[in-house]
Amino acid sequence: MTDHAGTARRQPRNLAFIGTAFGLLGLGLVYLFLYLPLIVTALFSFNDSRIQTLPMVGPTLRWYQDLFQDPQMISAILYSLQVAFTAVLISIIAGTVFALTSHRVRIRGGKLLDLLLTSPLVAPGMVLGISFLAVFNFAKINTGFWTIVIGHTAFITPLVMFLVLQRLKVADPSLEQASFDLGAGRIATFWHVTLPGIRAALVAAALLGFTMSMDEIAVTFFLAGTEPTLPVYVWGLVRFGFTPEVNAAFTLIGGGSLTCIALAGMILWFNARKRGASLTSNLVEAAEEQDLARELGHAGTGPIPAPGAVEPATHR
């Protein structure tokens, strides 16, 4: 009887272990499918041979040296960095304003307005690029640096707005109210109270937006004009076949993007963990204060003093 009961208890554990193992295996296969092309590209970028096949000849860094000795590549990198920093700066300001407005101003149809603001983030890049190109051609605006910045700002701003808005929804509104009660104005309250609360979300949004701008090719292709960004320049190299220099370029772009995404994820994770620890500490302090008040309340209802005893003075 005991052996039968023990076997019955072990069966659910074995099934749970098997299910977890298959789940981890499936997750690993998905990640392998996603990152295997980047891993293979990175390996061949260190191969000392122009023929991309196995077995590899030996490790080398000369393809990276050739890459950075190309003046057109250097120009494309600097141009992409200039576009990305400008687009991210504008998006941070615009996204923060939109998030604060959406959070504090209650208007009819606000959900629809949020949906319209976030639509460029999910719209296909080709559709967005052709739409902007049609507008610029109609307005007789030549494509170039600022048209690329406008195109990148269109899909980075919704990302900033979404992250900041999520942070504002979990923020404590009593902090801003206390700042107003103490005589601080709106600008001082935003600078000293609101901005520190959304700082982590802004940094994460800036890193993600920078990654999206450096990797964007569909929108940039239609708005670039005569000077290409890094993805457009690398795409031009790919048209003549994959070379070790192209592998090195893709490795740098992919590695930089993954690094920015990892940093943004770590910032959001540490901020959420810190917020959870602060909430737990506040709950513990509140519980201790309730226990102390309860103990003091019980202590105040002691035995009735004897006749003739002097009662302590009470405040009326």
C-alpha atoms as a PDB file:
ATOM      1  CA  MET A   1       0.000   0.000   0.000  1.00  0.00           C
ATOM      2  CA  THR A   2       2.821   2.387   0.926  1.00  0.00           C
ATOM      3  CA  ASP A   3       4.824   1.524  -2.215  1.00  0.00           C
ATOM      4  CA  HIS A   4       1.767   2.143  -4.372  1.00  0.00           C
ATOM      5  CA  ALA A   5       1.200   5.571  -2.788  1.00  0.00           C
ATOM      6  CA  GLY A   6       4.864   6.504  -3.228  1.00  0.00           C
ATOM      7  CA  THR A   7       4.765   5.508  -6.895  1.00  0.00           C
ATOM      8  CA  ALA A   8       1.619   7.569  -7.425  1.00  0.00           C
ATOM      9  CA  ARG A   9       3.348  10.621  -5.940  1.00  0.00           C
ATOM     10  CA  ARG A  10       6.464  10.162  -8.090  1.00  0.00           C
ATOM     11  CA  GLN A  11       4.528   9.963 -11.362  1.00  0.00           C
ATOM     12  CA  PRO A  12       3.369  13.643 -11.371  1.00  0.00           C
ATOM     13  CA  ARG A  13       6.921  14.722 -10.553  1.00  0.00           C
ATOM     14  CA  ASN A  14       8.335  12.692 -13.426  1.00  0.00           C
ATOM     15  CA  LEU A  15       5.737  14.102 -15.801  1.00  0.00           C
ATOM     16  CA  ALA A  16       6.523  17.634 -14.657  1.00  0.00           C
ATOM     17  CA  PHE A  17      10.255  17.022 -15.131  1.00  0.00           C
ATOM     18  CA  ILE A  18       9.706  15.626 -18.633  1.00  0.00           C
ATOM     19  CA  GLY A  19       7.460  18.570 -19.553  1.00  0.00           C
ATOM     20  CA  THR A  20      10.042  21.068 -18.277  1.00  0.00           C
ATOM     21  CA  ALA A  21      12.823  19.308 -20.200  1.00  0.00           C
ATOM     22  CA  PHE A  22      10.856  19.376 -23.460  1.00  0.00           C
ATOM     23  CA  GLY A  23       9.934  23.014 -22.879  1.00  0.00           C
ATOM     24  CA  LEU A  24      13.578  24.002 -22.342  1.00  0.00           C
ATOM     25  CA  LEU A  25      14.603  21.981 -25.394  1.00  0.00           C
ATOM     26  CA  GLY A  26      12.001  23.725 -27.547  1.00  0.00           C
ATOM     27  CA  LEU A  27      13.065  27.128 -26.221  1.00  0.00           C
ATOM     28  CA  GLY A  28      16.692  26.325 -26.973  1.00  0.00           C
ATOM     29  CA  LEU A  29      15.840  25.283 -30.534  1.00  0.00           C
ATOM     30  CA  VAL A  30      13.941  28.536 -31.086  1.00  0.00           C
ATOM     31  CA  TYR A  31      16.892  30.624 -29.882  1.00  0.00           C
ATOM     32  CA  LEU A  32      19.273  28.514 -31.971  1.00  0.00           C
ATOM     33  CA  PHE A  33      17.116  29.113 -35.043  1.00  0.00           C
ATOM     34  CA  LEU A  34      17.101  32.866 -34.384  1.00  0.00           C
ATOM     35  CA  TYR A  35      20.788  33.364 -33.587  1.00  0.00           C
ATOM     36  CA  LEU A  36      22.489  30.644 -35.649  1.00  0.00           C
ATOM     37  CA  PRO A  37      22.815  32.879 -38.771  1.00  0.00           C
ATOM     38  CA  LEU A  38      24.484  35.599 -36.712  1.00  0.00           C
ATOM     39  CA  ILE A  39      26.823  33.056 -35.080  1.00  0.00           C
ATOM     40  CA  VAL A  40      27.812  31.577 -38.450  1.00  0.00           C
ATOM     41  CA  THR A  41      28.367  35.057 -39.898  1.00  0.00           C
ATOM     42  CA  ALA A  42      30.560  36.007 -36.927  1.00  0.00           C
ATOM     43  CA  LEU A  43      32.623  32.823 -37.274  1.00  0.00           C
ATOM     44  CA  PHE A  44      33.298  33.384 -40.974  1.00  0.00           C
ATOM     45  CA  SER A  45      34.238  37.015 -40.279  1.00  0.00           C
ATOM     46  CA  PHE A  46      37.285  35.663 -38.406  1.00  0.00           C
ATOM     47  CA  ASN A  47      38.145  33.080 -41.067  1.00  0.00           C
ATOM     48  CA  ASP A  48      41.403  33.736 -42.937  1.00  0.00           C
ATOM     49  CA  SER A  49      39.933  32.870 -46.325  1.00  0.00           C
ATOM     50  CA  ARG A  50      37.691  34.536 -48.871  1.00  0.00           C
ATOM     51  CA  ILE A  51      35.990  31.212 -49.559  1.00  0.00           C
ATOM     52  CA  GLN A  52      33.182  30.824 -47.023  1.00  0.00           C
ATOM     53  CA  THR A  53      33.159  27.121 -46.441  1.00  0.00           C
ATOM     54  CA  LEU A  54      34.279  24.575 -43.895  1.00  0.00           C
ATOM     55  CA  PRO A  55      36.815  23.712 -42.655  1.00  0.00           C
ATOM     56  CA  MET A  56      38.012  27.145 -41.602  1.00  0.00           C
ATOM     57  CA  VAL A  57      41.576  28.090 -42.470  1.00  0.00           C
ATOM     58  CA  GLY A  58      42.444  29.978 -39.310  1.00  0.00           C
ATOM     59  CA  PRO A  59      41.583  33.016 -37.194  1.00  0.00           C
ATOM     60  CA  THR A  60      42.319  36.513 -38.432  1.00  0.00           C
ATOM     61  CA  LEU A  61      41.271  40.121 -37.902  1.00  0.00           C
ATOM     62  CA  ARG A  62      42.283  41.457 -41.303  1.00  0.00           C
ATOM     63  CA  TRP A  63      38.691  41.640 -42.560  1.00  0.00           C
ATOM     64  CA  TYR A  64      37.864  44.055 -39.753  1.00  0.00           C
ATOM     65  CA  GLN A  65      41.003  46.030 -40.590  1.00  0.00           C
ATOM     66  CA  ASP A  66      39.997  46.195 -44.253  1.00  0.00           C
ATOM     67  CA  LEU A  67      36.500  47.219 -43.189  1.00  0.00           C
ATOM     68  CA  PHE A  68      37.687  50.196 -41.147  1.00  0.00           C
ATOM     69  CA  GLN A  69      40.178  51.216 -43.810  1.00  0.00           C
ATOM     70  CA  ASP A  70      37.323  51.761 -46.230  1.00  0.00           C
ATOM     71  CA  PRO A  71      36.576  55.534 -46.226  1.00  0.00           C
ATOM     72  CA  GLN A  72      33.036  54.992 -47.493  1.00  0.00           C
ATOM     73  CA  MET A  73      32.348  52.603 -44.607  1.00  0.00           C
ATOM     74  CA  ILE A  74      33.680  55.103 -42.074  1.00  0.00           C
ATOM     75  CA  SER A  75      31.540  57.833 -43.615  1.00  0.00           C
ATOM     76  CA  ALA A  76      28.441  55.602 -43.487  1.00  0.00           C
ATOM     77  CA  ILE A  77      29.078  54.724 -39.813  1.00  0.00           C
ATOM     78  CA  LEU A  78      29.485  58.369 -38.778  1.00  0.00           C
ATOM     79  CA  TYR A  79      26.420  59.358 -40.789  1.00  0.00           C
ATOM     80  CA  SER A  80      24.331  56.618 -39.163  1.00  0.00           C
ATOM     81  CA  LEU A  81      25.481  57.659 -35.686  1.00  0.00           C
ATOM     82  CA  GLN A  82      24.556  61.275 -36.416  1.00  0.00           C
ATOM     83  CA  VAL A  83      21.107  60.254 -37.661  1.00  0.00           C
ATOM     84  CA  ALA A  84      20.512  57.902 -34.718  1.00  0.00           C
ATOM     85  CA  PHE A  85      21.501  60.399 -32.012  1.00  0.00           C
ATOM     86  CA  THR A  86      19.385  63.162 -33.562  1.00  0.00           C
ATOM     87  CA  ALA A  87      16.344  60.931 -34.039  1.00  0.00           C
ATOM     88  CA  VAL A  88      16.603  59.522 -30.505  1.00  0.00           C
ATOM     89  CA  LEU A  89      16.926  62.984 -28.946  1.00  0.00           C
ATOM     90  CA  ILE A  90      13.838  64.278 -30.762  1.00  0.00           C
ATOM     91  CA  SER A  91      11.913  61.083 -29.972  1.00  0.00           C
ATOM     92  CA  ILE A  92      12.767  61.263 -26.268  1.00  0.00           C
ATOM     93  CA  ILE A  93      11.346  64.778 -26.013  1.00  0.00           C
ATOM     94  CA  ALA A  94       8.259  64.106 -28.143  1.00  0.00           C
ATOM     95  CA  GLY A  95       7.543  60.692 -26.605  1.00  0.00           C
ATOM     96  CA  THR A  96       7.777  62.050 -23.063  1.00  0.00           C
ATOM     97  CA  VAL A  97       5.399  64.909 -23.879  1.00  0.00           C
ATOM     98  CA  PHE A  98       2.906  62.515 -25.484  1.00  0.00           C
ATOM     99  CA  ALA A  99       3.125  60.096 -22.545  1.00  0.00           C
ATOM    100  CA  LEU A 100       2.552  62.843 -19.950  1.00  0.00           C
ATOM    101  CA  THR A 101      -0.351  64.247 -21.960  1.00  0.00           C
ATOM    102  CA  SER A 102      -1.970  60.843 -22.423  1.00  0.00           C
ATOM    103  CA  HIS A 103      -1.555  60.008 -18.728  1.00  0.00           C
ATOM    104  CA  ARG A 104      -2.834  63.245 -17.241  1.00  0.00           C
ATOM    105  CA  VAL A 105      -5.340  64.603 -19.753  1.00  0.00           C
ATOM    106  CA  ARG A 106      -8.524  62.565 -19.976  1.00  0.00           C
ATOM    107  CA  ILE A 107     -10.261  63.194 -23.267  1.00  0.00           C
ATOM    108  CA  ARG A 108     -12.916  61.305 -25.149  1.00  0.00           C
ATOM    109  CA  GLY A 109     -11.335  58.991 -27.682  1.00  0.00           C
ATOM    110  CA  GLY A 110      -7.999  58.923 -25.877  1.00  0.00           C
ATOM    111  CA  LYS A 111      -7.516  55.210 -26.556  1.00  0.00           C
ATOM    112  CA  LEU A 112      -8.000  55.810 -30.258  1.00  0.00           C
ATOM    113  CA  LEU A 113      -5.446  58.620 -30.141  1.00  0.00           C
ATOM    114  CA  ASP A 114      -2.908  56.318 -28.430  1.00  0.00           C
ATOM    115  CA  LEU A 115      -3.555  53.704 -31.104  1.00  0.00           C
ATOM    116  CA  LEU A 116      -2.912  56.224 -33.868  1.00  0.00           C
ATOM    117  CA  LEU A 117       0.320  57.366 -32.211  1.00  0.00           C
ATOM    118  CA  THR A 118       1.635  53.799 -31.874  1.00  0.00           C
ATOM    119  CA  SER A 119       0.651  52.697 -35.391  1.00  0.00           C
ATOM    120  CA  PRO A 120       4.008  53.736 -37.011  1.00  0.00           C
ATOM    121  CA  LEU A 121       5.767  51.324 -34.650  1.00  0.00           C
ATOM    122  CA  VAL A 122       3.962  48.305 -36.122  1.00  0.00           C
ATOM    123  CA  ALA A 123       3.548  49.564 -39.683  1.00  0.00           C
ATOM    124  CA  PRO A 124       5.733  47.860 -42.323  1.00  0.00           C
ATOM    125  CA  GLY A 125       8.880  49.830 -43.001  1.00  0.00           C
ATOM    126  CA  MET A 126       8.311  49.837 -46.748  1.00  0.00           C
ATOM    127  CA  VAL A 127       4.830  51.310 -46.304  1.00  0.00           C
ATOM    128  CA  LEU A 128       6.144  53.961 -43.929  1.00  0.00           C
ATOM    129  CA  GLY A 129       9.051  54.833 -46.218  1.00  0.00           C
ATOM    130  CA  ILE A 130       6.926  55.123 -49.363  1.00  0.00           C
ATOM    131  CA  SER A 131       4.342  57.227 -47.493  1.00  0.00           C
ATOM    132  CA  PHE A 132       6.977  59.681 -46.272  1.00  0.00           C
ATOM    133  CA  LEU A 133       8.571  59.795 -49.719  1.00  0.00           C
ATOM    134  CA  ALA A 134       5.212  60.666 -51.309  1.00  0.00           C
ATOM    135  CA  VAL A 135       4.662  63.450 -48.773  1.00  0.00           C
ATOM    136  CA  PHE A 136       8.156  64.884 -49.257  1.00  0.00           C
ATOM    137  CA  ASN A 137       7.839  64.782 -53.042  1.00  0.00           C
ATOM    138  CA  PHE A 138       4.484  66.535 -52.838  1.00  0.00           C
ATOM    139  CA  ALA A 139       6.003  69.203 -50.560  1.00  0.00           C
ATOM    140  CA  LYS A 140       9.049  69.555 -52.862  1.00  0.00           C
ATOM    141  CA  ILE A 141      11.438  68.524 -50.071  1.00  0.00           C
ATOM    142  CA  ASN A 142      14.686  66.888 -51.144  1.00  0.00           C
ATOM    143  CA  THR A 143      15.562  63.637 -49.410  1.00  0.00           C
ATOM    144  CA  GLY A 144      18.573  63.709 -47.136  1.00  0.00           C
ATOM    145  CA  PHE A 145      19.585  63.902 -43.498  1.00  0.00           C
ATOM    146  CA  TRP A 146      16.437  65.468 -42.066  1.00  0.00           C
ATOM    147  CA  THR A 147      14.071  63.284 -44.038  1.00  0.00           C
ATOM    148  CA  ILE A 148      15.806  60.220 -42.587  1.00  0.00           C
ATOM    149  CA  VAL A 149      15.578  61.722 -39.091  1.00  0.00           C
ATOM    150  CA  ILE A 150      11.854  62.372 -39.532  1.00  0.00           C
ATOM    151  CA  GLY A 151      11.300  58.818 -40.759  1.00  0.00           C
ATOM    152  CA  HIS A 152      13.204  57.307 -37.823  1.00  0.00           C
ATOM    153  CA  THR A 153      11.505  59.602 -35.325  1.00  0.00           C
ATOM    154  CA  ALA A 154       8.127  58.352 -36.542  1.00  0.00           C
ATOM    155  CA  PHE A 155       8.716  54.826 -35.209  1.00  0.00           C
ATOM    156  CA  ILE A 156      11.013  55.617 -32.247  1.00  0.00           C
ATOM    157  CA  THR A 157       8.610  58.119 -30.646  1.00  0.00           C
ATOM    158  CA  PRO A 158       5.817  55.531 -30.071  1.00  0.00           C
ATOM    159  CA  LEU A 159       8.342  53.238 -28.372  1.00  0.00           C
ATOM    160  CA  VAL A 160       9.418  56.018 -26.012  1.00  0.00           C
ATOM    161  CA  MET A 161       5.802  56.953 -25.309  1.00  0.00           C
ATOM    162  CA  PHE A 162       4.846  53.356 -24.533  1.00  0.00           C
ATOM    163  CA  LEU A 163       7.714  52.749 -22.072  1.00  0.00           C
ATOM    164  CA  VAL A 164       7.295  56.095 -20.299  1.00  0.00           C
ATOM    165  CA  LEU A 165       3.525  55.670 -20.117  1.00  0.00           C
ATOM    166  CA  GLN A 166       3.879  52.244 -18.503  1.00  0.00           C
ATOM    167  CA  ARG A 167       6.217  53.744 -15.898  1.00  0.00           C
ATOM    168  CA  LEU A 168       3.838  56.620 -15.178  1.00  0.00           C
ATOM    169  CA  LYS A 169       0.949  54.204 -14.612  1.00  0.00           C
ATOM    170  CA  VAL A 170       2.773  52.496 -11.709  1.00  0.00           C
ATOM    171  CA  ALA A 171       4.206  55.707 -10.222  1.00  0.00           C
ATOM    172  CA  ASP A 172       2.896  57.081  -6.935  1.00  0.00           C
ATOM    173  CA  PRO A 173       0.835  60.207  -7.719  1.00  0.00           C
ATOM    174  CA  SER A 174       1.080  61.392  -4.111  1.00  0.00           C
ATOM    175  CA  LEU A 175       4.725  62.363  -4.665  1.00  0.00           C
ATOM    176  CA  GLU A 176       3.846  65.008  -7.231  1.00  0.00           C
ATOM    177  CA  GLN A 177       0.911  66.186  -5.091  1.00  0.00           C
ATOM    178  CA  ALA A 178       3.232  66.548  -2.100  1.00  0.00           C
ATOM    179  CA  SER A 179       5.621  68.596  -4.231  1.00  0.00           C
ATOM    180  CA  PHE A 180       2.788  70.921  -5.241  1.00  0.00           C
ATOM    181  CA  ASP A 181       1.649  71.217  -1.618  1.00  0.00           C
ATOM    182  CA  LEU A 182       5.171  72.263  -0.606  1.00  0.00           C
ATOM    183  CA  GLY A 183       5.082  75.141  -3.073  1.00  0.00           C
ATOM    184  CA  ALA A 184       7.001  73.722  -6.026  1.00  0.00           C
ATOM    185  CA  GLY A 185       5.873  74.672  -9.515  1.00  0.00           C
ATOM    186  CA  ARG A 186       5.190  72.349 -12.414  1.00  0.00           C
ATOM    187  CA  ILE A 187       8.676  72.660 -13.891  1.00  0.00           C
ATOM    188  CA  ALA A 188      10.402  72.051 -10.545  1.00  0.00           C
ATOM    189  CA  THR A 189       8.093  69.111  -9.816  1.00  0.00           C
ATOM    190  CA  PHE A 190       8.807  67.556 -13.200  1.00  0.00           C
ATOM    191  CA  TRP A 191      12.566  68.030 -12.852  1.00  0.00           C
ATOM    192  CA  HIS A 192      12.925  66.802  -9.263  1.00  0.00           C
ATOM    193  CA  VAL A 193      10.040  64.301  -8.923  1.00  0.00           C
ATOM    194  CA  THR A 194       8.658  63.084 -12.253  1.00  0.00           C
ATOM    195  CA  LEU A 195      11.884  62.897 -14.270  1.00  0.00           C
ATOM    196  CA  PRO A 196      13.821  60.790 -11.733  1.00  0.00           C
ATOM    197  CA  GLY A 197      10.882  58.363 -11.687  1.00  0.00           C
ATOM    198  CA  ILE A 198      10.878  57.851 -15.469  1.00  0.00           C
ATOM    199  CA  ARG A 199      14.649  58.095 -15.945  1.00  0.00           C
ATOM    200  CA  ALA A 200      15.183  54.337 -16.264  1.00  0.00           C
ATOM    201  CA  ALA A 201      12.404  54.060 -18.847  1.00  0.00           C
ATOM    202  CA  LEU A 202      13.920  56.930 -20.843  1.00  0.00           C
ATOM    203  CA  VAL A 203      17.378  55.338 -20.860  1.00  0.00           C
ATOM    204  CA  ALA A 204      15.960  51.977 -21.941  1.00  0.00           C
ATOM    205  CA  ALA A 205      13.867  53.636 -24.647  1.00  0.00           C
ATOM    206  CA  ALA A 206      16.908  55.569 -25.885  1.00  0.00           C
ATOM    207  CA  LEU A 207      18.965  52.370 -26.174  1.00  0.00           C
ATOM    208  CA  LEU A 208      16.185  50.520 -27.995  1.00  0.00           C
ATOM    209  CA  GLY A 209      15.512  53.499 -30.260  1.00  0.00           C
ATOM    210  CA  PHE A 210      19.210  53.816 -31.066  1.00  0.00           C
ATOM    211  CA  THR A 211      19.288  50.127 -32.013  1.00  0.00           C
ATOM    212  CA  MET A 212      16.226  50.463 -34.232  1.00  0.00           C
ATOM    213  CA  SER A 213      17.677  53.525 -35.969  1.00  0.00           C
ATOM    214  CA  MET A 214      21.056  51.901 -36.631  1.00  0.00           C
ATOM    215  CA  ASP A 215      19.388  48.758 -38.041  1.00  0.00           C
ATOM    216  CA  GLU A 216      16.646  50.401 -40.104  1.00  0.00           C
ATOM    217  CA  ILE A 217      16.957  49.922 -43.855  1.00  0.00           C
ATOM    218  CA  ALA A 218      13.419  49.894 -45.332  1.00  0.00           C
ATOM    219  CA  VAL A 219      12.475  53.461 -44.322  1.00  0.00           C
ATOM    220  CA  THR A 220      16.015  54.751 -44.842  1.00  0.00           C
ATOM    221  CA  PHE A 221      16.262  53.305 -48.336  1.00  0.00           C
ATOM    222  CA  PHE A 222      13.470  55.585 -49.586  1.00  0.00           C
ATOM    223  CA  LEU A 223      14.570  58.687 -47.650  1.00  0.00           C
ATOM    224  CA  ALA A 224      18.375  58.489 -47.779  1.00  0.00           C
ATOM    225  CA  GLY A 225      19.051  60.575 -50.854  1.00  0.00           C
ATOM    226  CA  THR A 226      22.638  60.454 -52.121  1.00  0.00           C
ATOM    227  CA  GLU A 227      24.461  59.690 -48.859  1.00  0.00           C
ATOM    228  CA  PRO A 228      23.728  56.194 -47.454  1.00  0.00           C
ATOM    229  CA  THR A 229      23.587  55.109 -43.853  1.00  0.00           C
ATOM    230  CA  LEU A 230      25.444  52.020 -42.649  1.00  0.00           C
ATOM    231  CA  PRO A 231      22.664  49.463 -43.323  1.00  0.00           C
ATOM    232  CA  VAL A 232      22.029  50.885 -46.810  1.00  0.00           C
ATOM    233  CA  TYR A 233      25.750  50.838 -47.591  1.00  0.00           C
ATOM    234  CA  VAL A 234      26.121  47.239 -46.398  1.00  0.00           C
ATOM    235  CA  TRP A 235      23.063  46.263 -48.436  1.00  0.00           C
ATOM    236  CA  GLY A 236      24.822  47.716 -51.462  1.00  0.00           C
ATOM    237  CA  LEU A 237      27.818  45.488 -50.749  1.00  0.00           C
ATOM    238  CA  VAL A 238      25.598  42.409 -50.426  1.00  0.00           C
ATOM    239  CA  ARG A 239      24.347  42.898 -53.992  1.00  0.00           C
ATOM    240  CA  PHE A 240      27.804  41.853 -55.216  1.00  0.00           C
ATOM    241  CA  GLY A 241      27.883  38.758 -52.996  1.00  0.00           C
ATOM    242  CA  PHE A 242      28.877  37.977 -49.431  1.00  0.00           C
ATOM    243  CA  THR A 243      32.489  38.806 -48.721  1.00  0.00           C
ATOM    244  CA  PRO A 244      34.462  38.615 -45.456  1.00  0.00           C
ATOM    245  CA  GLU A 245      34.122  42.399 -45.113  1.00  0.00           C
ATOM    246  CA  VAL A 246      30.336  42.066 -45.261  1.00  0.00           C
ATOM    247  CA  ASN A 247      30.482  39.365 -42.589  1.00  0.00           C
ATOM    248  CA  ALA A 248      32.522  41.686 -40.375  1.00  0.00           C
ATOM    249  CA  ALA A 249      30.050  44.528 -40.923  1.00  0.00           C
ATOM    250  CA  PHE A 250      27.046  42.340 -40.089  1.00  0.00           C
ATOM    251  CA  THR A 251      28.825  41.020 -37.009  1.00  0.00           C
ATOM    252  CA  LEU A 252      29.453  44.548 -35.716  1.00  0.00           C
ATOM    253  CA  ILE A 253      25.881  45.647 -36.418  1.00  0.00           C
ATOM    254  CA  GLY A 254      24.347  42.533 -34.837  1.00  0.00           C
ATOM    255  CA  GLY A 255      26.674  42.595 -31.824  1.00  0.00           C
ATOM    256  CA  GLY A 256      26.007  46.274 -31.186  1.00  0.00           C
ATOM    257  CA  SER A 257      22.253  45.771 -31.460  1.00  0.00           C
ATOM    258  CA  LEU A 258      22.242  42.825 -29.062  1.00  0.00           C
ATOM    259  CA  THR A 259      24.388  44.790 -26.603  1.00  0.00           C
ATOM    260  CA  CYS A 260      21.999  47.764 -26.598  1.00  0.00           C
ATOM    261  CA  ILE A 261      18.976  45.474 -26.208  1.00  0.00           C
ATOM    262  CA  ALA A 262      20.636  43.615 -23.329  1.00  0.00           C
ATOM    263  CA  LEU A 263      21.497  46.889 -21.571  1.00  0.00           C
ATOM    264  CA  ALA A 264      17.931  48.165 -21.981  1.00  0.00           C
ATOM    265  CA  GLY A 265      16.533  44.903 -20.607  1.00  0.00           C
ATOM    266  CA  MET A 266      18.884  44.997 -17.620  1.00  0.00           C
ATOM    267  CA  ILE A 267      17.936  48.598 -16.836  1.00  0.00           C
ATOM    268  CA  LEU A 268      14.210  47.804 -16.944  1.00  0.00           C
ATOM    269  CA  TRP A 269      14.727  44.642 -14.873  1.00  0.00           C
ATOM    270  CA  PHE A 270      16.782  46.389 -12.172  1.00  0.00           C
ATOM    271  CA  ASN A 271      14.284  49.247 -12.055  1.00  0.00           C
ATOM    272  CA  ALA A 272      11.355  46.821 -11.633  1.00  0.00           C
ATOM    273  CA  ARG A 273      13.269  44.893  -8.970  1.00  0.00           C
ATOM    274  CA  LYS A 274      14.125  48.082  -7.109  1.00  0.00           C
ATOM    275  CA  ARG A 275      10.500  49.217  -7.291  1.00  0.00           C
ATOM    276  CA  GLY A 276       9.336  45.827  -5.986  1.00  0.00           C
ATOM    277  CA  ALA A 277      11.829  45.952  -3.112  1.00  0.00           C
ATOM    278  CA  SER A 278      10.706  49.469  -2.213  1.00  0.00           C
ATOM    279  CA  LEU A 279       7.054  48.387  -2.255  1.00  0.00           C
ATOM    280  CA  THR A 280       7.836  45.396  -0.039  1.00  0.00           C
ATOM    281  CA  SER A 281       9.740  47.619   2.399  1.00  0.00           C
ATOM    282  CA  ASN A 282       6.824  50.052   2.569  1.00  0.00           C
ATOM    283  CA  LEU A 283       4.383  47.208   3.251  1.00  0.00           C
ATOM    284  CA  VAL A 284       6.613  45.845   6.013  1.00  0.00           C
ATOM    285  CA  GLU A 285       6.916  49.282   7.612  1.00  0.00           C
ATOM    286  CA  ALA A 286       3.162  49.781   7.447  1.00  0.00           C
ATOM    287  CA  ALA A 287       2.571  46.380   9.051  1.00  0.00           C
ATOM    288  CA  GLU A 288       5.059  47.166  11.841  1.00  0.00           C
ATOM    289  CA  GLU A 289       3.358  50.500  12.472  1.00  0.00           C
ATOM    290  CA  GLN A 290      -0.034  48.772  12.705  1.00  0.00           C
ATOM    291  CA  ASP A 291       1.362  46.209  15.149  1.00  0.00           C
ATOM    292  CA  LEU A 292       2.892  48.956  17.265  1.00  0.00           C
ATOM    293  CA  ALA A 293      -0.354  50.933  17.274  1.00  0.00           C
ATOM    294  CA  ARG A 294      -2.275  47.794  18.242  1.00  0.00           C
ATOM    295  CA  GLU A 295       0.124  47.094  21.117  1.00  0.00           C
ATOM    296  CA  LEU A 296      -0.125  50.666  22.355  1.00  0.00           C
ATOM    297  CA  GLY A 297      -3.897  50.431  22.146  1.00  0.00           C
ATOM    298  CA  HIS A 298      -3.919  47.279  24.303  1.00  0.00           C
ATOM    299  CA  ALA A 299      -1.502  48.875  26.749  1.00  0.00           C
ATOM    300  CA  GLY A 300      -3.810  51.856  27.138  1.00  0.00           C
ATOM    301  CA  THR A 301      -6.711  49.663  28.293  1.00  0.00           C
ATOM    302  CA  GLY A 302      -5.076  48.463  31.502  1.00  0.00           C
ATOM    303  CA  PRO A 303      -6.687  47.755  34.896  1.00  0.00           C
ATOM    304  CA  ILE A 304      -8.862  50.389  36.607  1.00  0.00           C
ATOM    305  CA  PRO A 305      -6.748  52.441  39.002  1.00  0.00           C
ATOM    306  CA  ALA A 306      -7.390  52.018  42.748  1.00  0.00           C
ATOM    307  CA  PRO A 307      -9.455  54.617  44.607  1.00  0.00           C
ATOM    308  CA  GLY A 308      -7.385  57.602  45.569  1.00  0.00           C
ATOM    309  CA  ALA A 309      -4.764  56.940  42.964  1.00  0.00           C
ATOM    310  CA  VAL A 310      -3.678  59.876  40.913  1.00  0.00           C
ATOM    311  CA  GLU A 311      -4.684  59.475  37.256  1.00  0.00           C
ATOM    312  CA  PRO A 312      -2.354  60.862  34.614  1.00  0.00           C
ATOM    313  CA  ALA A 313      -3.379  64.118  33.075  1.00  0.00           C
ATOM    314  CA  THR A 314      -5.038  63.791  29.688  1.00  0.00           C
ATOM    315  CA  HIS A 315      -5.018  66.286  26.879  1.00  0.00           C
ATOM    316  CA  ARG A 316      -8.483  67.686  26.158  1.00  0.00           C
END
